[in-house]
């Protein structure tokens, strides 16, 4: 994911497990860790379009890797169904 801290747009489009694109709007945050926490909380609060994918949202995690300066987004589902596609920012 691009450097979200320096982007004017705080809107992200996320698609977990091909469930369909959902939109989240990030709060004003200044650190990678606080942005990751915001992303995680907002994705967990989403409702899946198809209930079989709800665990992808409920168990979603987002962390900030300070060594590589990147966000690590992980679906709550595992295997080939546990995909994360994100754009915007």
PDB file of N, CA and C in Angstrom:
ATOM      1  N   UNK A   1       0.857  -1.171   0.000  1.00  0.00           N
ATOM      2  CA  UNK A   1       0.000   0.000   0.000  1.00  0.00           C
ATOM      3  C   UNK A   1       0.899   1.229   0.000  1.00  0.00           C
ATOM      4  N   UNK A   2       0.446   2.271  -0.632  1.00  0.00           N
ATOM      5  CA  UNK A   2       1.184   3.533  -0.685  1.00  0.00           C
ATOM      6  C   UNK A   2       1.262   4.191   0.681  1.00  0.00           C
ATOM      7  N   UNK A   3       2.069   5.215   0.785  1.00  0.00           N
ATOM      8  CA  UNK A   3       2.246   5.946   2.037  1.00  0.00           C
ATOM      9  C   UNK A   3       0.988   6.750   2.340  1.00  0.00           C
ATOM     10  N   UNK A   4       0.142   6.222   3.185  1.00  0.00           N
ATOM     11  CA  UNK A   4      -1.148   6.843   3.486  1.00  0.00           C
ATOM     12  C   UNK A   4      -0.979   8.148   4.261  1.00  0.00           C
ATOM     13  N   UNK A   5       0.064   8.264   5.064  1.00  0.00           N
ATOM     14  CA  UNK A   5       0.237   9.455   5.890  1.00  0.00           C
ATOM     15  C   UNK A   5       0.304  10.732   5.056  1.00  0.00           C
ATOM     16  N   UNK A   6       0.826  10.650   3.841  1.00  0.00           N
ATOM     17  CA  UNK A   6       1.044  11.849   3.039  1.00  0.00           C
ATOM     18  C   UNK A   6       0.003  12.061   1.948  1.00  0.00           C
ATOM     19  N   UNK A   7      -1.037  11.283   1.932  1.00  0.00           N
ATOM     20  CA  UNK A   7      -2.066  11.406   0.906  1.00  0.00           C
ATOM     21  C   UNK A   7      -3.158  12.367   1.352  1.00  0.00           C
ATOM     22  N   UNK A   8      -3.704  13.098   0.390  1.00  0.00           N
ATOM     23  CA  UNK A   8      -4.811  14.005   0.701  1.00  0.00           C
ATOM     24  C   UNK A   8      -6.103  13.228   0.899  1.00  0.00           C
ATOM     25  N   UNK A   9      -6.329  12.213   0.072  1.00  0.00           N
ATOM     26  CA  UNK A   9      -7.530  11.401   0.186  1.00  0.00           C
ATOM     27  C   UNK A   9      -7.343  10.382   1.301  1.00  0.00           C
ATOM     28  N   UNK A  10      -8.300  10.297   2.166  1.00  0.00           N
ATOM     29  CA  UNK A  10      -8.255   9.334   3.260  1.00  0.00           C
ATOM     30  C   UNK A  10      -9.285   8.226   3.053  1.00  0.00           C
ATOM     31  N   UNK A  11      -9.721   8.039   1.823  1.00  0.00           N
ATOM     32  CA  UNK A  11     -10.703   7.016   1.503  1.00  0.00           C
ATOM     33  C   UNK A  11      -9.996   5.805   0.913  1.00  0.00           C
ATOM     34  N   UNK A  12     -10.300   4.643   1.460  1.00  0.00           N
ATOM     35  CA  UNK A  12      -9.749   3.397   0.943  1.00  0.00           C
ATOM     36  C   UNK A  12     -10.883   2.506   0.475  1.00  0.00           C
ATOM     37  N   UNK A  13     -10.619   1.762  -0.575  1.00  0.00           N
ATOM     38  CA  UNK A  13     -11.568   0.790  -1.104  1.00  0.00           C
ATOM     39  C   UNK A  13     -10.965  -0.588  -0.857  1.00  0.00           C
ATOM     40  N   UNK A  14     -11.702  -1.429  -0.178  1.00  0.00           N
ATOM     41  CA  UNK A  14     -11.180  -2.738   0.207  1.00  0.00           C
ATOM     42  C   UNK A  14     -12.151  -3.831  -0.213  1.00  0.00           C
ATOM     43  N   UNK A  15     -11.574  -4.921  -0.694  1.00  0.00           N
ATOM     44  CA  UNK A  15     -12.363  -6.071  -1.120  1.00  0.00           C
ATOM     45  C   UNK A  15     -11.749  -7.311  -0.475  1.00  0.00           C
ATOM     46  N   UNK A  16     -12.440  -7.880   0.490  1.00  0.00           N
ATOM     47  CA  UNK A  16     -11.964  -9.080   1.168  1.00  0.00           C
ATOM     48  C   UNK A  16     -12.647 -10.309   0.586  1.00  0.00           C
ATOM     49  N   UNK A  17     -11.853 -11.286   0.223  1.00  0.00           N
ATOM     50  CA  UNK A  17     -12.361 -12.582  -0.250  1.00  0.00           C
ATOM     51  C   UNK A  17     -13.356 -12.442  -1.399  1.00  0.00           C
ATOM     52  N   UNK A  18     -13.138 -11.448  -2.258  1.00  0.00           N
ATOM     53  CA  UNK A  18     -14.020 -11.191  -3.409  1.00  0.00           C
ATOM     54  C   UNK A  18     -15.469 -10.978  -2.998  1.00  0.00           C
ATOM     55  N   UNK A  19     -15.673 -10.410  -1.808  1.00  0.00           N
ATOM     56  CA  UNK A  19     -17.017 -10.158  -1.288  1.00  0.00           C
ATOM     57  C   UNK A  19     -17.623  -8.879  -1.862  1.00  0.00           C
ATOM     58  N   UNK A  20     -16.842  -8.094  -2.544  1.00  0.00           N
ATOM     59  CA  UNK A  20     -17.317  -6.823  -3.086  1.00  0.00           C
ATOM     60  C   UNK A  20     -16.582  -5.664  -2.431  1.00  0.00           C
ATOM     61  N   UNK A  21     -16.489  -4.575  -3.144  1.00  0.00           N
ATOM     62  CA  UNK A  21     -15.739  -3.409  -2.667  1.00  0.00           C
ATOM     63  C   UNK A  21     -16.512  -2.686  -1.575  1.00  0.00           C
ATOM     64  N   UNK A  22     -15.819  -2.405  -0.493  1.00  0.00           N
ATOM     65  CA  UNK A  22     -16.347  -1.614   0.627  1.00  0.00           C
ATOM     66  C   UNK A  22     -15.483  -0.369   0.758  1.00  0.00           C
ATOM     67  N   UNK A  23     -16.059   0.709   1.230  1.00  0.00           N
ATOM     68  CA  UNK A  23     -15.341   1.970   1.390  1.00  0.00           C
ATOM     69  C   UNK A  23     -15.160   2.288   2.864  1.00  0.00           C
ATOM     70  N   UNK A  24     -13.941   2.678   3.224  1.00  0.00           N
ATOM     71  CA  UNK A  24     -13.700   3.179   4.580  1.00  0.00           C
ATOM     72  C   UNK A  24     -13.016   4.536   4.461  1.00  0.00           C
ATOM     73  N   UNK A  25     -13.300   5.403   5.400  1.00  0.00           N
ATOM     74  CA  UNK A  25     -12.683   6.718   5.454  1.00  0.00           C
ATOM     75  C   UNK A  25     -11.869   6.806   6.728  1.00  0.00           C
ATOM     76  N   UNK A  26     -10.591   7.093   6.568  1.00  0.00           N
ATOM     77  CA  UNK A  26      -9.688   7.118   7.713  1.00  0.00           C
ATOM     78  C   UNK A  26      -9.787   8.426   8.472  1.00  0.00           C
ATOM     79  N   UNK A  27      -9.605   8.331   9.769  1.00  0.00           N
ATOM     80  CA  UNK A  27      -9.544   9.515  10.623  1.00  0.00           C
ATOM     81  C   UNK A  27      -8.175  10.169  10.454  1.00  0.00           C
ATOM     82  N   UNK A  28      -8.025  11.370  10.964  1.00  0.00           N
ATOM     83  CA  UNK A  28      -6.725  12.054  10.925  1.00  0.00           C
ATOM     84  C   UNK A  28      -5.792  11.364  11.914  1.00  0.00           C
ATOM     85  N   UNK A  29      -4.763  10.740  11.393  1.00  0.00           N
ATOM     86  CA  UNK A  29      -3.771  10.045  12.201  1.00  0.00           C
ATOM     87  C   UNK A  29      -2.391  10.460  11.733  1.00  0.00           C
ATOM     88  N   UNK A  30      -1.435  10.401  12.628  1.00  0.00           N
ATOM     89  CA  UNK A  30      -0.104  10.872  12.267  1.00  0.00           C
ATOM     90  C   UNK A  30       0.960   9.789  12.216  1.00  0.00           C
ATOM     91  N   UNK A  31       0.647   8.596  12.685  1.00  0.00           N
ATOM     92  CA  UNK A  31       1.668   7.550  12.683  1.00  0.00           C
ATOM     93  C   UNK A  31       1.160   6.314  11.960  1.00  0.00           C
ATOM     94  N   UNK A  32       2.106   5.521  11.488  1.00  0.00           N
ATOM     95  CA  UNK A  32       1.751   4.285  10.810  1.00  0.00           C
ATOM     96  C   UNK A  32       0.930   3.361  11.688  1.00  0.00           C
ATOM     97  N   UNK A  33       1.312   3.257  12.957  1.00  0.00           N
ATOM     98  CA  UNK A  33       0.589   2.373  13.880  1.00  0.00           C
ATOM     99  C   UNK A  33      -0.843   2.845  14.116  1.00  0.00           C
ATOM    100  N   UNK A  34      -1.054   4.146  14.240  1.00  0.00           N
ATOM    101  CA  UNK A  34      -2.417   4.646  14.478  1.00  0.00           C
ATOM    102  C   UNK A  34      -3.277   4.506  13.221  1.00  0.00           C
ATOM    103  N   UNK A  35      -2.670   4.664  12.060  1.00  0.00           N
ATOM    104  CA  UNK A  35      -3.412   4.452  10.807  1.00  0.00           C
ATOM    105  C   UNK A  35      -3.790   2.975  10.683  1.00  0.00           C
ATOM    106  N   UNK A  36      -2.855   2.084  10.980  1.00  0.00           N
ATOM    107  CA  UNK A  36      -3.140   0.645  10.923  1.00  0.00           C
ATOM    108  C   UNK A  36      -4.276   0.279  11.868  1.00  0.00           C
ATOM    109  N   UNK A  37      -4.256   0.831  13.057  1.00  0.00           N
ATOM    110  CA  UNK A  37      -5.318   0.572  14.033  1.00  0.00           C
ATOM    111  C   UNK A  37      -6.663   1.071  13.526  1.00  0.00           C
ATOM    112  N   UNK A  38      -6.668   2.243  12.905  1.00  0.00           N
ATOM    113  CA  UNK A  38      -7.893   2.822  12.347  1.00  0.00           C
ATOM    114  C   UNK A  38      -8.439   1.947  11.222  1.00  0.00           C
ATOM    115  N   UNK A  39      -7.561   1.519  10.323  1.00  0.00           N
ATOM    116  CA  UNK A  39      -7.980   0.642   9.225  1.00  0.00           C
ATOM    117  C   UNK A  39      -8.590  -0.633   9.793  1.00  0.00           C
ATOM    118  N   UNK A  40      -7.898  -1.256  10.742  1.00  0.00           N
ATOM    119  CA  UNK A  40      -8.374  -2.511  11.314  1.00  0.00           C
ATOM    120  C   UNK A  40      -9.745  -2.346  11.958  1.00  0.00           C
ATOM    121  N   UNK A  41      -9.916  -1.335  12.771  1.00  0.00           N
ATOM    122  CA  UNK A  41     -11.197  -1.118  13.446  1.00  0.00           C
ATOM    123  C   UNK A  41     -12.328  -0.903  12.445  1.00  0.00           C
ATOM    124  N   UNK A  42     -12.056  -0.153  11.399  1.00  0.00           N
ATOM    125  CA  UNK A  42     -13.118   0.151  10.427  1.00  0.00           C
ATOM    126  C   UNK A  42     -13.460  -1.053   9.562  1.00  0.00           C
ATOM    127  N   UNK A  43     -12.478  -1.876   9.229  1.00  0.00           N
ATOM    128  CA  UNK A  43     -12.775  -3.081   8.450  1.00  0.00           C
ATOM    129  C   UNK A  43     -13.534  -4.089   9.307  1.00  0.00           C
ATOM    130  N   UNK A  44     -13.127  -4.273  10.551  1.00  0.00           N
ATOM    131  CA  UNK A  44     -13.832  -5.201  11.441  1.00  0.00           C
ATOM    132  C   UNK A  44     -15.295  -4.791  11.606  1.00  0.00           C
ATOM    133  N   UNK A  45     -15.583  -3.504  11.570  1.00  0.00           N
ATOM    134  CA  UNK A  45     -16.961  -3.012  11.739  1.00  0.00           C
ATOM    135  C   UNK A  45     -17.830  -3.227  10.498  1.00  0.00           C
ATOM    136  N   UNK A  46     -17.229  -3.580   9.375  1.00  0.00           N
ATOM    137  CA  UNK A  46     -18.005  -3.777   8.147  1.00  0.00           C
ATOM    138  C   UNK A  46     -18.792  -5.079   8.193  1.00  0.00           C
ATOM    139  N   UNK A  47     -19.855  -5.112   7.411  1.00  0.00           N
ATOM    140  CA  UNK A  47     -20.667  -6.312   7.267  1.00  0.00           C
ATOM    141  C   UNK A  47     -20.443  -6.885   5.877  1.00  0.00           C
ATOM    142  N   UNK A  48     -20.184  -8.172   5.817  1.00  0.00           N
ATOM    143  CA  UNK A  48     -19.972  -8.840   4.538  1.00  0.00           C
ATOM    144  C   UNK A  48     -21.247  -8.809   3.704  1.00  0.00           C
ATOM    145  N   UNK A  49     -21.086  -8.710   2.406  1.00  0.00           N
ATOM    146  CA  UNK A  49     -22.243  -8.795   1.504  1.00  0.00           C
ATOM    147  C   UNK A  49     -22.812 -10.208   1.521  1.00  0.00           C
ATOM    148  N   UNK A  50     -21.932 -11.189   1.619  1.00  0.00           N
ATOM    149  CA  UNK A  50     -22.334 -12.582   1.719  1.00  0.00           C
ATOM    150  C   UNK A  50     -21.867 -13.090   3.085  1.00  0.00           C
ATOM    151  N   UNK A  51     -22.780 -13.561   3.892  1.00  0.00           N
ATOM    152  CA  UNK A  51     -22.469 -13.910   5.283  1.00  0.00           C
ATOM    153  C   UNK A  51     -21.371 -14.961   5.418  1.00  0.00           C
ATOM    154  N   UNK A  52     -21.136 -15.761   4.388  1.00  0.00           N
ATOM    155  CA  UNK A  52     -20.076 -16.776   4.499  1.00  0.00           C
ATOM    156  C   UNK A  52     -18.690 -16.130   4.588  1.00  0.00           C
ATOM    157  N   UNK A  53     -18.588 -14.844   4.248  1.00  0.00           N
ATOM    158  CA  UNK A  53     -17.307 -14.139   4.307  1.00  0.00           C
ATOM    159  C   UNK A  53     -17.161 -13.252   5.546  1.00  0.00           C
ATOM    160  N   UNK A  54     -18.113 -13.287   6.472  1.00  0.00           N
ATOM    161  CA  UNK A  54     -18.052 -12.379   7.617  1.00  0.00           C
ATOM    162  C   UNK A  54     -16.778 -12.546   8.446  1.00  0.00           C
ATOM    163  N   UNK A  55     -16.256 -13.758   8.546  1.00  0.00           N
ATOM    164  CA  UNK A  55     -15.020 -13.955   9.302  1.00  0.00           C
ATOM    165  C   UNK A  55     -13.830 -13.241   8.670  1.00  0.00           C
ATOM    166  N   UNK A  56     -13.892 -13.005   7.358  1.00  0.00           N
ATOM    167  CA  UNK A  56     -12.822 -12.241   6.701  1.00  0.00           C
ATOM    168  C   UNK A  56     -12.737 -10.849   7.305  1.00  0.00           C
ATOM    169  N   UNK A  57     -13.872 -10.277   7.673  1.00  0.00           N
ATOM    170  CA  UNK A  57     -13.943  -8.953   8.292  1.00  0.00           C
ATOM    171  C   UNK A  57     -13.696  -9.033   9.799  1.00  0.00           C
ATOM    172  N   UNK A  58     -14.398  -9.957  10.462  1.00  0.00           N
ATOM    173  CA  UNK A  58     -14.343 -10.048  11.924  1.00  0.00           C
ATOM    174  C   UNK A  58     -12.941 -10.330  12.445  1.00  0.00           C
ATOM    175  N   UNK A  59     -12.159 -11.098  11.693  1.00  0.00           N
ATOM    176  CA  UNK A  59     -10.809 -11.471  12.129  1.00  0.00           C
ATOM    177  C   UNK A  59      -9.712 -10.766  11.333  1.00  0.00           C
ATOM    178  N   UNK A  60     -10.069  -9.736  10.604  1.00  0.00           N
ATOM    179  CA  UNK A  60      -9.120  -8.956   9.810  1.00  0.00           C
ATOM    180  C   UNK A  60      -8.092  -8.279  10.723  1.00  0.00           C
ATOM    181  N   UNK A  61      -6.847  -8.225  10.265  1.00  0.00           N
ATOM    182  CA  UNK A  61      -5.826  -7.488  11.005  1.00  0.00           C
ATOM    183  C   UNK A  61      -5.078  -6.548  10.070  1.00  0.00           C
ATOM    184  N   UNK A  62      -4.596  -5.469  10.638  1.00  0.00           N
ATOM    185  CA  UNK A  62      -3.765  -4.515   9.911  1.00  0.00           C
ATOM    186  C   UNK A  62      -2.676  -4.041  10.863  1.00  0.00           C
ATOM    187  N   UNK A  63      -1.443  -4.164  10.430  1.00  0.00           N
ATOM    188  CA  UNK A  63      -0.315  -3.704  11.222  1.00  0.00           C
ATOM    189  C   UNK A  63       0.578  -2.835  10.345  1.00  0.00           C
ATOM    190  N   UNK A  64       1.443  -2.081  10.996  1.00  0.00           N
ATOM    191  CA  UNK A  64       2.401  -1.256  10.265  1.00  0.00           C
ATOM    192  C   UNK A  64       3.796  -1.806  10.511  1.00  0.00           C
ATOM    193  N   UNK A  65       4.477  -2.161   9.439  1.00  0.00           N
ATOM    194  CA  UNK A  65       5.831  -2.703   9.491  1.00  0.00           C
ATOM    195  C   UNK A  65       6.810  -1.530   9.424  1.00  0.00           C
ATOM    196  N   UNK A  66       7.421  -1.191  10.543  1.00  0.00           N
ATOM    197  CA  UNK A  66       8.314  -0.032  10.605  1.00  0.00           C
ATOM    198  C   UNK A  66       9.640  -0.275   9.893  1.00  0.00           C
ATOM    199  N   UNK A  67      10.036  -1.514   9.739  1.00  0.00           N
ATOM    200  CA  UNK A  67      11.293  -1.805   9.039  1.00  0.00           C
ATOM    201  C   UNK A  67      11.150  -1.559   7.544  1.00  0.00           C
ATOM    202  N   UNK A  68      10.054  -2.014   6.982  1.00  0.00           N
ATOM    203  CA  UNK A  68       9.822  -1.869   5.536  1.00  0.00           C
ATOM    204  C   UNK A  68       8.914  -0.698   5.193  1.00  0.00           C
ATOM    205  N   UNK A  69       8.430   0.023   6.221  1.00  0.00           N
ATOM    206  CA  UNK A  69       7.525   1.162   6.017  1.00  0.00           C
ATOM    207  C   UNK A  69       6.336   0.801   5.141  1.00  0.00           C
ATOM    208  N   UNK A  70       5.642  -0.250   5.557  1.00  0.00           N
ATOM    209  CA  UNK A  70       4.465  -0.668   4.807  1.00  0.00           C
ATOM    210  C   UNK A  70       3.422  -1.254   5.747  1.00  0.00           C
ATOM    211  N   UNK A  71       2.200  -1.278   5.261  1.00  0.00           N
ATOM    212  CA  UNK A  71       1.087  -1.840   6.014  1.00  0.00           C
ATOM    213  C   UNK A  71       0.928  -3.299   5.618  1.00  0.00           C
ATOM    214  N   UNK A  72       0.581  -4.120   6.601  1.00  0.00           N
ATOM    215  CA  UNK A  72       0.337  -5.535   6.361  1.00  0.00           C
ATOM    216  C   UNK A  72      -1.125  -5.804   6.708  1.00  0.00           C
ATOM    217  N   UNK A  73      -1.915  -6.086   5.679  1.00  0.00           N
ATOM    218  CA  UNK A  73      -3.344  -6.325   5.836  1.00  0.00           C
ATOM    219  C   UNK A  73      -3.610  -7.805   5.626  1.00  0.00           C
ATOM    220  N   UNK A  74      -4.305  -8.416   6.578  1.00  0.00           N
ATOM    221  CA  UNK A  74      -4.535  -9.857   6.528  1.00  0.00           C
ATOM    222  C   UNK A  74      -6.014 -10.157   6.712  1.00  0.00           C
ATOM    223  N   UNK A  75      -6.557 -10.918   5.770  1.00  0.00           N
ATOM    224  CA  UNK A  75      -7.951 -11.344   5.858  1.00  0.00           C
ATOM    225  C   UNK A  75      -8.124 -12.287   7.036  1.00  0.00           C
ATOM    226  N   UNK A  76      -9.313 -12.314   7.579  1.00  0.00           N
ATOM    227  CA  UNK A  76      -9.631 -13.237   8.655  1.00  0.00           C
ATOM    228  C   UNK A  76      -9.890 -14.647   8.175  1.00  0.00           C
ATOM    229  N   UNK A  77      -9.911 -14.849   6.856  1.00  0.00           N
ATOM    230  CA  UNK A  77     -10.047 -16.181   6.280  1.00  0.00           C
ATOM    231  C   UNK A  77      -8.697 -16.600   5.717  1.00  0.00           C
ATOM    232  N   UNK A  78      -8.422 -17.886   5.749  1.00  0.00           N
ATOM    233  CA  UNK A  78      -7.124 -18.383   5.312  1.00  0.00           C
ATOM    234  C   UNK A  78      -7.239 -19.155   4.004  1.00  0.00           C
ATOM    235  N   UNK A  79      -6.115 -19.395   3.392  1.00  0.00           N
ATOM    236  CA  UNK A  79      -6.085 -20.141   2.140  1.00  0.00           C
ATOM    237  C   UNK A  79      -6.387 -19.229   0.962  1.00  0.00           C
ATOM    238  N   UNK A  80      -6.756 -19.828  -0.140  1.00  0.00           N
ATOM    239  CA  UNK A  80      -6.989 -19.060  -1.368  1.00  0.00           C
ATOM    240  C   UNK A  80      -8.192 -18.142  -1.277  1.00  0.00           C
ATOM    241  N   UNK A  81      -9.094 -18.399  -0.349  1.00  0.00           N
ATOM    242  CA  UNK A  81     -10.269 -17.541  -0.193  1.00  0.00           C
ATOM    243  C   UNK A  81      -9.955 -16.283   0.613  1.00  0.00           C
ATOM    244  N   UNK A  82      -8.864 -16.273   1.356  1.00  0.00           N
ATOM    245  CA  UNK A  82      -8.511 -15.158   2.233  1.00  0.00           C
ATOM    246  C   UNK A  82      -7.725 -14.078   1.519  1.00  0.00           C
ATOM    247  N   UNK A  83      -8.349 -13.397   0.592  1.00  0.00           N
ATOM    248  CA  UNK A  83      -7.653 -12.376  -0.189  1.00  0.00           C
ATOM    249  C   UNK A  83      -7.998 -10.974   0.309  1.00  0.00           C
ATOM    250  N   UNK A  84      -7.059 -10.052   0.091  1.00  0.00           N
ATOM    251  CA  UNK A  84      -7.258  -8.649   0.407  1.00  0.00           C
ATOM    252  C   UNK A  84      -6.823  -7.841  -0.797  1.00  0.00           C
ATOM    253  N   UNK A  85      -7.740  -7.041  -1.333  1.00  0.00           N
ATOM    254  CA  UNK A  85      -7.422  -6.124  -2.426  1.00  0.00           C
ATOM    255  C   UNK A  85      -7.795  -4.729  -1.949  1.00  0.00           C
ATOM    256  N   UNK A  86      -6.853  -3.802  -2.061  1.00  0.00           N
ATOM    257  CA  UNK A  86      -7.096  -2.451  -1.548  1.00  0.00           C
ATOM    258  C   UNK A  86      -6.631  -1.423  -2.574  1.00  0.00           C
ATOM    259  N   UNK A  87      -7.358  -0.329  -2.652  1.00  0.00           N
ATOM    260  CA  UNK A  87      -6.967   0.786  -3.526  1.00  0.00           C
ATOM    261  C   UNK A  87      -7.400   2.083  -2.875  1.00  0.00           C
ATOM    262  N   UNK A  88      -6.965   3.177  -3.447  1.00  0.00           N
ATOM    263  CA  UNK A  88      -7.258   4.491  -2.873  1.00  0.00           C
ATOM    264  C   UNK A  88      -6.129   4.939  -1.998  1.00  0.00           C
ATOM    265  N   UNK A  89      -6.423   5.892  -1.154  1.00  0.00           N
ATOM    266  CA  UNK A  89      -5.388   6.405  -0.261  1.00  0.00           C
ATOM    267  C   UNK A  89      -4.625   7.454  -0.965  1.00  0.00           C
TER     268      UNK A  89
END
